[in-house]
Amino acid sequence: MCLAVPGKIVKIKDRQIADVDYGSLMREVSLRLIPEAGVGDWVLVHAGFAIQVLDEGVAKETLSIFEELLQREEFECGKFE
């Protein structure tokens, strides 16, 4: 299963690399697929590449759903019921 995670761009280093904030984690992400993204934008990231600019509300809702899944006792890595 593949998973893309929303994060917020906090800094662009050279038009192709951005620092993206995931809340408790900061990572470098490539902007080669969406060069129009800018600081403050929420982006969907998969395998180190920003693949889509997201509406802030959609990004926060997605993160909330991820958090809810992680809190469920019956959640097991790789198994959804």
C-alpha atoms as a PDB file:
ATOM      1  CA  MET A   1       0.000   0.000   0.000  1.00  0.00           C
ATOM      2  CA  CYS A   2       1.269   3.462  -0.892  1.00  0.00           C
ATOM      3  CA  LEU A   3       0.588   6.468   1.270  1.00  0.00           C
ATOM      4  CA  ALA A   4       0.885  10.167   0.477  1.00  0.00           C
ATOM      5  CA  VAL A   5       0.974  12.541   3.443  1.00  0.00           C
ATOM      6  CA  PRO A   6       0.068  16.242   3.612  1.00  0.00           C
ATOM      7  CA  GLY A   7       2.612  18.735   4.874  1.00  0.00           C
ATOM      8  CA  LYS A   8       3.157  22.500   4.833  1.00  0.00           C
ATOM      9  CA  ILE A   9       5.983  24.165   2.926  1.00  0.00           C
ATOM     10  CA  VAL A  10       7.954  26.382   5.300  1.00  0.00           C
ATOM     11  CA  LYS A  11      10.987  27.187   3.150  1.00  0.00           C
ATOM     12  CA  ILE A  12      12.030  26.812  -0.482  1.00  0.00           C
ATOM     13  CA  LYS A  13      15.745  26.335  -0.948  1.00  0.00           C
ATOM     14  CA  ASP A  14      16.247  26.479  -4.695  1.00  0.00           C
ATOM     15  CA  ARG A  15      12.884  26.310  -6.511  1.00  0.00           C
ATOM     16  CA  GLN A  16      13.158  22.509  -6.536  1.00  0.00           C
ATOM     17  CA  ILE A  17      13.710  21.594  -2.870  1.00  0.00           C
ATOM     18  CA  ALA A  18      11.476  22.628   0.006  1.00  0.00           C
ATOM     19  CA  ASP A  19      11.456  22.098   3.748  1.00  0.00           C
ATOM     20  CA  VAL A  20       8.056  20.597   4.565  1.00  0.00           C
ATOM     21  CA  ASP A  21       6.593  20.547   8.076  1.00  0.00           C
ATOM     22  CA  TYR A  22       4.572  17.476   9.046  1.00  0.00           C
ATOM     23  CA  GLY A  23       3.854  18.722  12.572  1.00  0.00           C
ATOM     24  CA  SER A  24       6.463  16.867  14.597  1.00  0.00           C
ATOM     25  CA  LEU A  25       8.769  16.187  11.664  1.00  0.00           C
ATOM     26  CA  MET A  26      10.526  18.340   9.055  1.00  0.00           C
ATOM     27  CA  ARG A  27      11.764  16.851   5.766  1.00  0.00           C
ATOM     28  CA  GLU A  28      13.247  18.016   2.481  1.00  0.00           C
ATOM     29  CA  VAL A  29      10.876  17.423  -0.432  1.00  0.00           C
ATOM     30  CA  SER A  30      11.283  17.804  -4.183  1.00  0.00           C
ATOM     31  CA  LEU A  31       9.019  20.333  -5.922  1.00  0.00           C
ATOM     32  CA  ARG A  32       9.962  19.179  -9.428  1.00  0.00           C
ATOM     33  CA  LEU A  33       6.434  17.873 -10.104  1.00  0.00           C
ATOM     34  CA  ILE A  34       4.661  21.026  -8.878  1.00  0.00           C
ATOM     35  CA  PRO A  35       7.059  23.968  -9.284  1.00  0.00           C
ATOM     36  CA  GLU A  36       4.175  26.429  -8.723  1.00  0.00           C
ATOM     37  CA  ALA A  37       3.993  25.498  -5.014  1.00  0.00           C
ATOM     38  CA  GLY A  38       5.148  28.176  -2.600  1.00  0.00           C
ATOM     39  CA  VAL A  39       5.897  28.862   1.033  1.00  0.00           C
ATOM     40  CA  GLY A  40       2.766  28.393   3.122  1.00  0.00           C
ATOM     41  CA  ASP A  41       1.168  25.939   0.684  1.00  0.00           C
ATOM     42  CA  TRP A  42      -0.024  22.556   1.871  1.00  0.00           C
ATOM     43  CA  VAL A  43       1.199  19.766  -0.389  1.00  0.00           C
ATOM     44  CA  LEU A  44       0.593  16.059  -0.706  1.00  0.00           C
ATOM     45  CA  VAL A  45       3.941  14.233  -0.540  1.00  0.00           C
ATOM     46  CA  HIS A  46       4.765  10.729  -1.719  1.00  0.00           C
ATOM     47  CA  ALA A  47       8.239   9.153  -1.794  1.00  0.00           C
ATOM     48  CA  GLY A  48       9.948  12.517  -1.258  1.00  0.00           C
ATOM     49  CA  PHE A  49       8.055  14.328  -4.031  1.00  0.00           C
ATOM     50  CA  ALA A  50       5.297  16.898  -3.609  1.00  0.00           C
ATOM     51  CA  ILE A  51       2.641  15.639  -6.015  1.00  0.00           C
ATOM     52  CA  GLN A  52      -0.269  18.041  -5.453  1.00  0.00           C
ATOM     53  CA  VAL A  53      -1.066  21.375  -3.795  1.00  0.00           C
ATOM     54  CA  LEU A  54      -3.881  20.914  -1.257  1.00  0.00           C
ATOM     55  CA  ASP A  55      -6.479  23.164   0.267  1.00  0.00           C
ATOM     56  CA  GLU A  56      -5.563  23.757   3.934  1.00  0.00           C
ATOM     57  CA  GLY A  57      -8.907  22.358   5.127  1.00  0.00           C
ATOM     58  CA  VAL A  58      -8.446  19.133   3.159  1.00  0.00           C
ATOM     59  CA  ALA A  59      -4.882  18.744   4.443  1.00  0.00           C
ATOM     60  CA  LYS A  60      -5.911  19.195   8.082  1.00  0.00           C
ATOM     61  CA  GLU A  61      -8.884  16.850   7.698  1.00  0.00           C
ATOM     62  CA  THR A  62      -6.604  14.177   6.216  1.00  0.00           C
ATOM     63  CA  LEU A  63      -4.126  14.554   9.080  1.00  0.00           C
ATOM     64  CA  SER A  64      -6.993  14.272  11.561  1.00  0.00           C
ATOM     65  CA  ILE A  65      -8.119  11.007   9.950  1.00  0.00           C
ATOM     66  CA  PHE A  66      -4.556   9.630  10.097  1.00  0.00           C
ATOM     67  CA  GLU A  67      -4.366  10.553  13.787  1.00  0.00           C
ATOM     68  CA  GLU A  68      -7.713   8.870  14.469  1.00  0.00           C
ATOM     69  CA  LEU A  69      -6.532   5.679  12.773  1.00  0.00           C
ATOM     70  CA  LEU A  70      -3.354   5.633  14.834  1.00  0.00           C
ATOM     71  CA  GLN A  71      -5.373   5.981  18.053  1.00  0.00           C
ATOM     72  CA  ARG A  72      -7.584   2.980  17.319  1.00  0.00           C
ATOM     73  CA  GLU A  73      -6.615  -0.071  19.350  1.00  0.00           C
ATOM     74  CA  GLU A  74      -7.445  -2.455  16.539  1.00  0.00           C
ATOM     75  CA  PHE A  75      -5.196  -0.675  14.057  1.00  0.00           C
ATOM     76  CA  GLU A  76      -2.295  -2.886  12.988  1.00  0.00           C
ATOM     77  CA  CYS A  77       0.334  -1.865  10.487  1.00  0.00           C
ATOM     78  CA  GLY A  78      -0.680  -3.130   7.066  1.00  0.00           C
ATOM     79  CA  LYS A  79      -4.098  -4.373   8.189  1.00  0.00           C
ATOM     80  CA  PHE A  80      -7.291  -2.341   8.017  1.00  0.00           C
ATOM     81  CA  GLU A  81     -10.685  -3.666   9.049  1.00  0.00           C
END
